[in-house]
């Protein structure tokens, strides 16, 4: 993994504003490596203390974190920012 890619991921996630969300795949595309969603996840995991990690979710707005405590924490943070999360763990948008 290049440091340019890592820095791009950090910049993209850092610039995601409260009330917004972005998928791991979209971060990968914007960072120039469209097939690197898992690498994005790894970078974010190592930078949790400094990044708004909770704003990065799975494809289609799905909360994809498996760890129950971390999943709950992500949902709570997103809800505090005004997101509505369905019982199935999807962020509801105006269209859904």
PDB file of N, CA and C in Angstrom:
ATOM      1  N   UNK A   1       0.852  -1.174   0.000  1.00  0.00           N
ATOM      2  CA  UNK A   1       0.000   0.000   0.000  1.00  0.00           C
ATOM      3  C   UNK A   1       0.896   1.234   0.000  1.00  0.00           C
ATOM      4  N   UNK A   2       0.631   2.139  -0.907  1.00  0.00           N
ATOM      5  CA  UNK A   2       1.476   3.321  -1.000  1.00  0.00           C
ATOM      6  C   UNK A   2       1.067   4.367   0.014  1.00  0.00           C
ATOM      7  N   UNK A   3       2.032   5.176   0.382  1.00  0.00           N
ATOM      8  CA  UNK A   3       1.718   6.247   1.330  1.00  0.00           C
ATOM      9  C   UNK A   3       0.805   7.286   0.681  1.00  0.00           C
ATOM     10  N   UNK A   4       0.877   7.439  -0.660  1.00  0.00           N
ATOM     11  CA  UNK A   4      -0.025   8.366  -1.349  1.00  0.00           C
ATOM     12  C   UNK A   4      -1.473   7.900  -1.220  1.00  0.00           C
ATOM     13  N   UNK A   5      -1.690   6.604  -1.388  1.00  0.00           N
ATOM     14  CA  UNK A   5      -3.035   6.054  -1.249  1.00  0.00           C
ATOM     15  C   UNK A   5      -3.526   6.235   0.183  1.00  0.00           C
ATOM     16  N   UNK A   6      -2.691   5.906   1.139  1.00  0.00           N
ATOM     17  CA  UNK A   6      -3.065   6.052   2.548  1.00  0.00           C
ATOM     18  C   UNK A   6      -3.420   7.501   2.857  1.00  0.00           C
ATOM     19  N   UNK A   7      -2.607   8.434   2.404  1.00  0.00           N
ATOM     20  CA  UNK A   7      -2.879   9.848   2.677  1.00  0.00           C
ATOM     21  C   UNK A   7      -4.161  10.298   1.994  1.00  0.00           C
ATOM     22  N   UNK A   8      -4.413   9.796   0.784  1.00  0.00           N
ATOM     23  CA  UNK A   8      -5.651  10.139   0.086  1.00  0.00           C
ATOM     24  C   UNK A   8      -6.863   9.646   0.868  1.00  0.00           C
ATOM     25  N   UNK A   9      -6.791   8.418   1.381  1.00  0.00           N
ATOM     26  CA  UNK A   9      -7.889   7.865   2.190  1.00  0.00           C
ATOM     27  C   UNK A   9      -8.117   8.736   3.421  1.00  0.00           C
ATOM     28  N   UNK A  10      -7.055   9.077   4.112  1.00  0.00           N
ATOM     29  CA  UNK A  10      -7.164   9.908   5.313  1.00  0.00           C
ATOM     30  C   UNK A  10      -7.806  11.249   4.974  1.00  0.00           C
ATOM     31  N   UNK A  11      -7.392  11.863   3.877  1.00  0.00           N
ATOM     32  CA  UNK A  11      -7.954  13.158   3.481  1.00  0.00           C
ATOM     33  C   UNK A  11      -9.435  13.050   3.136  1.00  0.00           C
ATOM     34  N   UNK A  12      -9.798  12.022   2.394  1.00  0.00           N
ATOM     35  CA  UNK A  12     -11.198  11.844   1.992  1.00  0.00           C
ATOM     36  C   UNK A  12     -12.085  11.635   3.214  1.00  0.00           C
ATOM     37  N   UNK A  13     -11.677  10.749   4.096  1.00  0.00           N
ATOM     38  CA  UNK A  13     -12.477  10.469   5.295  1.00  0.00           C
ATOM     39  C   UNK A  13     -12.531  11.705   6.194  1.00  0.00           C
ATOM     40  N   UNK A  14     -11.414  12.388   6.343  1.00  0.00           N
ATOM     41  CA  UNK A  14     -11.364  13.587   7.190  1.00  0.00           C
ATOM     42  C   UNK A  14     -12.307  14.674   6.692  1.00  0.00           C
ATOM     43  N   UNK A  15     -12.510  14.731   5.381  1.00  0.00           N
ATOM     44  CA  UNK A  15     -13.354  15.772   4.797  1.00  0.00           C
ATOM     45  C   UNK A  15     -14.820  15.376   4.674  1.00  0.00           C
ATOM     46  N   UNK A  16     -15.178  14.207   5.177  1.00  0.00           N
ATOM     47  CA  UNK A  16     -16.583  13.805   5.203  1.00  0.00           C
ATOM     48  C   UNK A  16     -17.232  14.517   6.384  1.00  0.00           C
ATOM     49  N   UNK A  17     -18.193  15.350   6.093  1.00  0.00           N
ATOM     50  CA  UNK A  17     -18.791  16.229   7.104  1.00  0.00           C
ATOM     51  C   UNK A  17     -19.835  15.512   7.972  1.00  0.00           C
ATOM     52  N   UNK A  18     -20.087  16.042   9.160  1.00  0.00           N
ATOM     53  CA  UNK A  18     -21.142  15.486  10.009  1.00  0.00           C
ATOM     54  C   UNK A  18     -22.466  15.425   9.234  1.00  0.00           C
ATOM     55  N   UNK A  19     -23.165  14.315   9.381  1.00  0.00           N
ATOM     56  CA  UNK A  19     -24.428  14.130   8.679  1.00  0.00           C
ATOM     57  C   UNK A  19     -24.262  13.503   7.306  1.00  0.00           C
ATOM     58  N   UNK A  20     -23.011  13.340   6.862  1.00  0.00           N
ATOM     59  CA  UNK A  20     -22.734  12.687   5.590  1.00  0.00           C
ATOM     60  C   UNK A  20     -22.140  11.306   5.847  1.00  0.00           C
ATOM     61  N   UNK A  21     -22.186  10.457   4.840  1.00  0.00           N
ATOM     62  CA  UNK A  21     -21.513   9.165   4.912  1.00  0.00           C
ATOM     63  C   UNK A  21     -20.982   8.825   3.535  1.00  0.00           C
ATOM     64  N   UNK A  22     -20.021   7.929   3.505  1.00  0.00           N
ATOM     65  CA  UNK A  22     -19.401   7.487   2.264  1.00  0.00           C
ATOM     66  C   UNK A  22     -19.076   6.004   2.422  1.00  0.00           C
ATOM     67  N   UNK A  23     -19.116   5.272   1.328  1.00  0.00           N
ATOM     68  CA  UNK A  23     -18.814   3.838   1.417  1.00  0.00           C
ATOM     69  C   UNK A  23     -17.312   3.605   1.291  1.00  0.00           C
ATOM     70  N   UNK A  24     -16.872   2.448   1.792  1.00  0.00           N
ATOM     71  CA  UNK A  24     -15.465   2.065   1.651  1.00  0.00           C
ATOM     72  C   UNK A  24     -15.074   2.057   0.174  1.00  0.00           C
ATOM     73  N   UNK A  25     -15.952   1.524  -0.663  1.00  0.00           N
ATOM     74  CA  UNK A  25     -15.681   1.454  -2.097  1.00  0.00           C
ATOM     75  C   UNK A  25     -15.552   2.820  -2.739  1.00  0.00           C
ATOM     76  N   UNK A  26     -16.413   3.755  -2.332  1.00  0.00           N
ATOM     77  CA  UNK A  26     -16.329   5.110  -2.879  1.00  0.00           C
ATOM     78  C   UNK A  26     -15.042   5.803  -2.447  1.00  0.00           C
ATOM     79  N   UNK A  27     -14.621   5.571  -1.212  1.00  0.00           N
ATOM     80  CA  UNK A  27     -13.342   6.131  -0.760  1.00  0.00           C
ATOM     81  C   UNK A  27     -12.218   5.570  -1.624  1.00  0.00           C
ATOM     82  N   UNK A  28     -12.253   4.269  -1.878  1.00  0.00           N
ATOM     83  CA  UNK A  28     -11.214   3.633  -2.698  1.00  0.00           C
ATOM     84  C   UNK A  28     -11.173   4.239  -4.100  1.00  0.00           C
ATOM     85  N   UNK A  29     -12.338   4.441  -4.704  1.00  0.00           N
ATOM     86  CA  UNK A  29     -12.405   5.043  -6.039  1.00  0.00           C
ATOM     87  C   UNK A  29     -11.812   6.448  -6.013  1.00  0.00           C
ATOM     88  N   UNK A  30     -12.249   7.255  -5.060  1.00  0.00           N
ATOM     89  CA  UNK A  30     -11.757   8.633  -4.969  1.00  0.00           C
ATOM     90  C   UNK A  30     -10.261   8.698  -4.691  1.00  0.00           C
ATOM     91  N   UNK A  31      -9.749   7.690  -3.994  1.00  0.00           N
ATOM     92  CA  UNK A  31      -8.320   7.649  -3.673  1.00  0.00           C
ATOM     93  C   UNK A  31      -7.490   7.054  -4.813  1.00  0.00           C
ATOM     94  N   UNK A  32      -8.157   6.633  -5.895  1.00  0.00           N
ATOM     95  CA  UNK A  32      -7.441   6.159  -7.063  1.00  0.00           C
ATOM     96  C   UNK A  32      -7.217   4.661  -7.157  1.00  0.00           C
ATOM     97  N   UNK A  33      -7.806   3.898  -6.244  1.00  0.00           N
ATOM     98  CA  UNK A  33      -7.662   2.430  -6.288  1.00  0.00           C
ATOM     99  C   UNK A  33      -9.039   1.796  -6.115  1.00  0.00           C
ATOM    100  N   UNK A  34      -9.822   1.753  -7.192  1.00  0.00           N
ATOM    101  CA  UNK A  34     -11.219   1.331  -7.104  1.00  0.00           C
ATOM    102  C   UNK A  34     -11.470  -0.062  -6.543  1.00  0.00           C
ATOM    103  N   UNK A  35     -10.484  -0.926  -6.555  1.00  0.00           N
ATOM    104  CA  UNK A  35     -10.688  -2.286  -6.046  1.00  0.00           C
ATOM    105  C   UNK A  35     -10.093  -2.465  -4.650  1.00  0.00           C
ATOM    106  N   UNK A  36      -9.868  -1.380  -3.945  1.00  0.00           N
ATOM    107  CA  UNK A  36      -9.147  -1.443  -2.670  1.00  0.00           C
ATOM    108  C   UNK A  36     -10.008  -1.083  -1.457  1.00  0.00           C
ATOM    109  N   UNK A  37     -11.286  -1.459  -1.489  1.00  0.00           N
ATOM    110  CA  UNK A  37     -12.170  -1.135  -0.360  1.00  0.00           C
ATOM    111  C   UNK A  37     -11.672  -1.748   0.948  1.00  0.00           C
ATOM    112  N   UNK A  38     -11.143  -2.964   0.884  1.00  0.00           N
ATOM    113  CA  UNK A  38     -10.638  -3.600   2.113  1.00  0.00           C
ATOM    114  C   UNK A  38      -9.411  -2.878   2.645  1.00  0.00           C
ATOM    115  N   UNK A  39      -8.585  -2.384   1.757  1.00  0.00           N
ATOM    116  CA  UNK A  39      -7.419  -1.609   2.194  1.00  0.00           C
ATOM    117  C   UNK A  39      -7.871  -0.325   2.882  1.00  0.00           C
ATOM    118  N   UNK A  40      -8.934   0.283   2.360  1.00  0.00           N
ATOM    119  CA  UNK A  40      -9.505   1.476   2.998  1.00  0.00           C
ATOM    120  C   UNK A  40      -9.918   1.136   4.423  1.00  0.00           C
ATOM    121  N   UNK A  41     -10.587   0.012   4.586  1.00  0.00           N
ATOM    122  CA  UNK A  41     -11.020  -0.427   5.914  1.00  0.00           C
ATOM    123  C   UNK A  41      -9.835  -0.562   6.865  1.00  0.00           C
ATOM    124  N   UNK A  42      -8.755  -1.157   6.385  1.00  0.00           N
ATOM    125  CA  UNK A  42      -7.567  -1.332   7.219  1.00  0.00           C
ATOM    126  C   UNK A  42      -6.943  -0.015   7.633  1.00  0.00           C
ATOM    127  N   UNK A  43      -6.885   0.931   6.705  1.00  0.00           N
ATOM    128  CA  UNK A  43      -6.329   2.251   7.025  1.00  0.00           C
ATOM    129  C   UNK A  43      -7.183   2.931   8.083  1.00  0.00           C
ATOM    130  N   UNK A  44      -8.483   2.892   7.890  1.00  0.00           N
ATOM    131  CA  UNK A  44      -9.392   3.538   8.843  1.00  0.00           C
ATOM    132  C   UNK A  44      -9.284   2.884  10.215  1.00  0.00           C
ATOM    133  N   UNK A  45      -9.196   1.574  10.237  1.00  0.00           N
ATOM    134  CA  UNK A  45      -9.106   0.851  11.514  1.00  0.00           C
ATOM    135  C   UNK A  45      -7.886   1.302  12.316  1.00  0.00           C
ATOM    136  N   UNK A  46      -6.780   1.545  11.623  1.00  0.00           N
ATOM    137  CA  UNK A  46      -5.555   1.971  12.311  1.00  0.00           C
ATOM    138  C   UNK A  46      -5.557   3.451  12.667  1.00  0.00           C
ATOM    139  N   UNK A  47      -6.522   4.201  12.159  1.00  0.00           N
ATOM    140  CA  UNK A  47      -6.577   5.650  12.389  1.00  0.00           C
ATOM    141  C   UNK A  47      -7.841   6.073  13.145  1.00  0.00           C
ATOM    142  N   UNK A  48      -8.469   5.152  13.866  1.00  0.00           N
ATOM    143  CA  UNK A  48      -9.759   5.436  14.509  1.00  0.00           C
ATOM    144  C   UNK A  48      -9.732   6.640  15.440  1.00  0.00           C
ATOM    145  N   UNK A  49      -8.629   6.851  16.097  1.00  0.00           N
ATOM    146  CA  UNK A  49      -8.559   7.945  17.070  1.00  0.00           C
ATOM    147  C   UNK A  49      -8.581   9.314  16.406  1.00  0.00           C
ATOM    148  N   UNK A  50      -8.161   9.388  15.138  1.00  0.00           N
ATOM    149  CA  UNK A  50      -8.025  10.690  14.490  1.00  0.00           C
ATOM    150  C   UNK A  50      -8.993  10.921  13.335  1.00  0.00           C
ATOM    151  N   UNK A  51      -9.701   9.899  12.918  1.00  0.00           N
ATOM    152  CA  UNK A  51     -10.612  10.029  11.778  1.00  0.00           C
ATOM    153  C   UNK A  51     -12.069   9.868  12.198  1.00  0.00           C
ATOM    154  N   UNK A  52     -12.993  10.510  11.461  1.00  0.00           N
ATOM    155  CA  UNK A  52     -14.419  10.259  11.687  1.00  0.00           C
ATOM    156  C   UNK A  52     -14.824   8.940  11.008  1.00  0.00           C
ATOM    157  N   UNK A  53     -14.253   7.853  11.514  1.00  0.00           N
ATOM    158  CA  UNK A  53     -14.399   6.512  10.933  1.00  0.00           C
ATOM    159  C   UNK A  53     -15.851   6.076  10.807  1.00  0.00           C
ATOM    160  N   UNK A  54     -16.685   6.576  11.712  1.00  0.00           N
ATOM    161  CA  UNK A  54     -18.080   6.137  11.741  1.00  0.00           C
ATOM    162  C   UNK A  54     -18.860   6.575  10.506  1.00  0.00           C
ATOM    163  N   UNK A  55     -18.330   7.524   9.746  1.00  0.00           N
ATOM    164  CA  UNK A  55     -19.012   8.009   8.547  1.00  0.00           C
ATOM    165  C   UNK A  55     -18.724   7.156   7.318  1.00  0.00           C
ATOM    166  N   UNK A  56     -17.883   6.149   7.472  1.00  0.00           N
ATOM    167  CA  UNK A  56     -17.562   5.251   6.359  1.00  0.00           C
ATOM    168  C   UNK A  56     -18.288   3.932   6.598  1.00  0.00           C
ATOM    169  N   UNK A  57     -19.118   3.565   5.635  1.00  0.00           N
ATOM    170  CA  UNK A  57     -19.980   2.393   5.787  1.00  0.00           C
ATOM    171  C   UNK A  57     -19.862   1.500   4.555  1.00  0.00           C
ATOM    172  N   UNK A  58     -20.544   0.376   4.610  1.00  0.00           N
ATOM    173  CA  UNK A  58     -20.539  -0.551   3.488  1.00  0.00           C
ATOM    174  C   UNK A  58     -21.356  -0.043   2.313  1.00  0.00           C
ATOM    175  N   UNK A  59     -21.300  -0.804   1.248  1.00  0.00           N
ATOM    176  CA  UNK A  59     -22.007  -0.479   0.013  1.00  0.00           C
ATOM    177  C   UNK A  59     -23.488  -0.227   0.275  1.00  0.00           C
ATOM    178  N   UNK A  60     -24.005   0.824  -0.306  1.00  0.00           N
ATOM    179  CA  UNK A  60     -25.418   1.130  -0.185  1.00  0.00           C
ATOM    180  C   UNK A  60     -25.838   1.648   1.175  1.00  0.00           C
ATOM    181  N   UNK A  61     -24.872   2.078   1.994  1.00  0.00           N
ATOM    182  CA  UNK A  61     -25.209   2.615   3.309  1.00  0.00           C
ATOM    183  C   UNK A  61     -25.413   1.564   4.374  1.00  0.00           C
ATOM    184  N   UNK A  62     -24.849   0.387   4.166  1.00  0.00           N
ATOM    185  CA  UNK A  62     -24.990  -0.712   5.123  1.00  0.00           C
ATOM    186  C   UNK A  62     -23.922  -0.622   6.216  1.00  0.00           C
ATOM    187  N   UNK A  63     -24.338  -0.728   7.470  1.00  0.00           N
ATOM    188  CA  UNK A  63     -23.394  -0.783   8.585  1.00  0.00           C
ATOM    189  C   UNK A  63     -22.776  -2.175   8.547  1.00  0.00           C
ATOM    190  N   UNK A  64     -21.511  -2.253   8.178  1.00  0.00           N
ATOM    191  CA  UNK A  64     -20.901  -3.557   7.907  1.00  0.00           C
ATOM    192  C   UNK A  64     -19.965  -4.057   9.002  1.00  0.00           C
ATOM    193  N   UNK A  65     -19.800  -3.300  10.051  1.00  0.00           N
ATOM    194  CA  UNK A  65     -18.912  -3.719  11.143  1.00  0.00           C
ATOM    195  C   UNK A  65     -19.541  -4.905  11.868  1.00  0.00           C
ATOM    196  N   UNK A  66     -18.760  -5.946  12.077  1.00  0.00           N
ATOM    197  CA  UNK A  66     -19.263  -7.173  12.712  1.00  0.00           C
ATOM    198  C   UNK A  66     -19.195  -7.127  14.238  1.00  0.00           C
ATOM    199  N   UNK A  67     -18.165  -6.482  14.790  1.00  0.00           N
ATOM    200  CA  UNK A  67     -18.016  -6.406  16.246  1.00  0.00           C
ATOM    201  C   UNK A  67     -19.223  -5.669  16.825  1.00  0.00           C
ATOM    202  N   UNK A  68     -20.004  -6.315  17.709  1.00  0.00           N
ATOM    203  CA  UNK A  68     -21.248  -5.707  18.192  1.00  0.00           C
ATOM    204  C   UNK A  68     -21.046  -4.377  18.922  1.00  0.00           C
ATOM    205  N   UNK A  69     -19.992  -4.259  19.707  1.00  0.00           N
ATOM    206  CA  UNK A  69     -19.760  -3.009  20.437  1.00  0.00           C
ATOM    207  C   UNK A  69     -19.384  -1.876  19.492  1.00  0.00           C
ATOM    208  N   UNK A  70     -18.513  -2.152  18.551  1.00  0.00           N
ATOM    209  CA  UNK A  70     -18.087  -1.138  17.591  1.00  0.00           C
ATOM    210  C   UNK A  70     -19.232  -0.770  16.650  1.00  0.00           C
ATOM    211  N   UNK A  71     -20.034  -1.768  16.280  1.00  0.00           N
ATOM    212  CA  UNK A  71     -21.210  -1.522  15.435  1.00  0.00           C
ATOM    213  C   UNK A  71     -22.187  -0.583  16.148  1.00  0.00           C
ATOM    214  N   UNK A  72     -22.440  -0.862  17.420  1.00  0.00           N
ATOM    215  CA  UNK A  72     -23.343  -0.025  18.216  1.00  0.00           C
ATOM    216  C   UNK A  72     -22.798   1.399  18.319  1.00  0.00           C
ATOM    217  N   UNK A  73     -21.493   1.513  18.525  1.00  0.00           N
ATOM    218  CA  UNK A  73     -20.856   2.826  18.631  1.00  0.00           C
ATOM    219  C   UNK A  73     -21.002   3.603  17.318  1.00  0.00           C
ATOM    220  N   UNK A  74     -20.810   2.913  16.183  1.00  0.00           N
ATOM    221  CA  UNK A  74     -20.954   3.572  14.892  1.00  0.00           C
ATOM    222  C   UNK A  74     -22.391   4.053  14.690  1.00  0.00           C
ATOM    223  N   UNK A  75     -23.344   3.206  14.987  1.00  0.00           N
ATOM    224  CA  UNK A  75     -24.750   3.580  14.829  1.00  0.00           C
ATOM    225  C   UNK A  75     -25.083   4.782  15.704  1.00  0.00           C
ATOM    226  N   UNK A  76     -24.639   4.770  16.953  1.00  0.00           N
ATOM    227  CA  UNK A  76     -24.912   5.886  17.860  1.00  0.00           C
ATOM    228  C   UNK A  76     -24.314   7.187  17.339  1.00  0.00           C
ATOM    229  N   UNK A  77     -23.078   7.130  16.856  1.00  0.00           N
ATOM    230  CA  UNK A  77     -22.426   8.331  16.328  1.00  0.00           C
ATOM    231  C   UNK A  77     -23.177   8.861  15.104  1.00  0.00           C
ATOM    232  N   UNK A  78     -23.574   7.967  14.215  1.00  0.00           N
ATOM    233  CA  UNK A  78     -24.312   8.391  13.028  1.00  0.00           C
ATOM    234  C   UNK A  78     -25.669   8.983  13.407  1.00  0.00           C
ATOM    235  N   UNK A  79     -26.342   8.372  14.366  1.00  0.00           N
ATOM    236  CA  UNK A  79     -27.640   8.890  14.807  1.00  0.00           C
ATOM    237  C   UNK A  79     -27.496  10.274  15.430  1.00  0.00           C
ATOM    238  N   UNK A  80     -26.436  10.488  16.191  1.00  0.00           N
ATOM    239  CA  UNK A  80     -26.204  11.817  16.778  1.00  0.00           C
ATOM    240  C   UNK A  80     -25.998  12.880  15.703  1.00  0.00           C
ATOM    241  N   UNK A  81     -25.552  12.449  14.536  1.00  0.00           N
ATOM    242  CA  UNK A  81     -25.352  13.380  13.425  1.00  0.00           C
ATOM    243  C   UNK A  81     -26.591  13.480  12.533  1.00  0.00           C
ATOM    244  N   UNK A  82     -27.685  12.851  12.949  1.00  0.00           N
ATOM    245  CA  UNK A  82     -28.944  12.983  12.229  1.00  0.00           C
ATOM    246  C   UNK A  82     -29.289  11.861  11.272  1.00  0.00           C
ATOM    247  N   UNK A  83     -28.459  10.839  11.192  1.00  0.00           N
ATOM    248  CA  UNK A  83     -28.757   9.717  10.305  1.00  0.00           C
ATOM    249  C   UNK A  83     -29.823   8.819  10.943  1.00  0.00           C
ATOM    250  N   UNK A  84     -30.666   8.261  10.110  1.00  0.00           N
ATOM    251  CA  UNK A  84     -31.671   7.304  10.564  1.00  0.00           C
ATOM    252  C   UNK A  84     -31.217   5.927  10.089  1.00  0.00           C
ATOM    253  N   UNK A  85     -31.068   5.007  11.034  1.00  0.00           N
ATOM    254  CA  UNK A  85     -30.586   3.666  10.729  1.00  0.00           C
ATOM    255  C   UNK A  85     -31.747   2.683  10.857  1.00  0.00           C
ATOM    256  N   UNK A  86     -31.956   1.879   9.827  1.00  0.00           N
ATOM    257  CA  UNK A  86     -33.040   0.893   9.861  1.00  0.00           C
ATOM    258  C   UNK A  86     -32.680  -0.256  10.797  1.00  0.00           C
ATOM    259  N   UNK A  87     -33.665  -1.075  11.106  1.00  0.00           N
ATOM    260  CA  UNK A  87     -33.431  -2.242  11.965  1.00  0.00           C
ATOM    261  C   UNK A  87     -32.466  -3.233  11.326  1.00  0.00           C
ATOM    262  N   UNK A  88     -32.361  -3.195  10.005  1.00  0.00           N
ATOM    263  CA  UNK A  88     -31.447  -4.100   9.305  1.00  0.00           C
ATOM    264  C   UNK A  88     -30.043  -3.520   9.157  1.00  0.00           C
ATOM    265  N   UNK A  89     -29.823  -2.329   9.712  1.00  0.00           N
ATOM    266  CA  UNK A  89     -28.491  -1.740   9.692  1.00  0.00           C
ATOM    267  C   UNK A  89     -28.154  -0.954   8.447  1.00  0.00           C
ATOM    268  N   UNK A  90     -29.159  -0.379   7.809  1.00  0.00           N
ATOM    269  CA  UNK A  90     -28.931   0.464   6.639  1.00  0.00           C
ATOM    270  C   UNK A  90     -29.265   1.912   6.983  1.00  0.00           C
ATOM    271  N   UNK A  91     -28.471   2.816   6.453  1.00  0.00           N
ATOM    272  CA  UNK A  91     -28.767   4.234   6.614  1.00  0.00           C
ATOM    273  C   UNK A  91     -29.923   4.557   5.678  1.00  0.00           C
ATOM    274  N   UNK A  92     -30.957   5.141   6.239  1.00  0.00           N
ATOM    275  CA  UNK A  92     -32.112   5.510   5.428  1.00  0.00           C
ATOM    276  C   UNK A  92     -31.831   6.863   4.785  1.00  0.00           C
ATOM    277  N   UNK A  93     -32.101   6.937   3.503  1.00  0.00           N
ATOM    278  CA  UNK A  93     -31.964   8.200   2.790  1.00  0.00           C
ATOM    279  C   UNK A  93     -33.355   8.686   2.440  1.00  0.00           C
ATOM    280  N   UNK A  94     -33.437   9.862   1.871  1.00  0.00           N
ATOM    281  CA  UNK A  94     -34.743  10.395   1.504  1.00  0.00           C
ATOM    282  C   UNK A  94     -35.457   9.490   0.509  1.00  0.00           C
ATOM    283  N   UNK A  95     -34.682   8.733  -0.267  1.00  0.00           N
ATOM    284  CA  UNK A  95     -35.276   7.856  -1.267  1.00  0.00           C
ATOM    285  C   UNK A  95     -35.746   6.532  -0.676  1.00  0.00           C
ATOM    286  N   UNK A  96     -35.238   6.134   0.516  1.00  0.00           N
ATOM    287  CA  UNK A  96     -35.587   4.822   1.065  1.00  0.00           C
ATOM    288  C   UNK A  96     -36.577   4.927   2.193  1.00  0.00           C
TER     289      UNK A  96
END
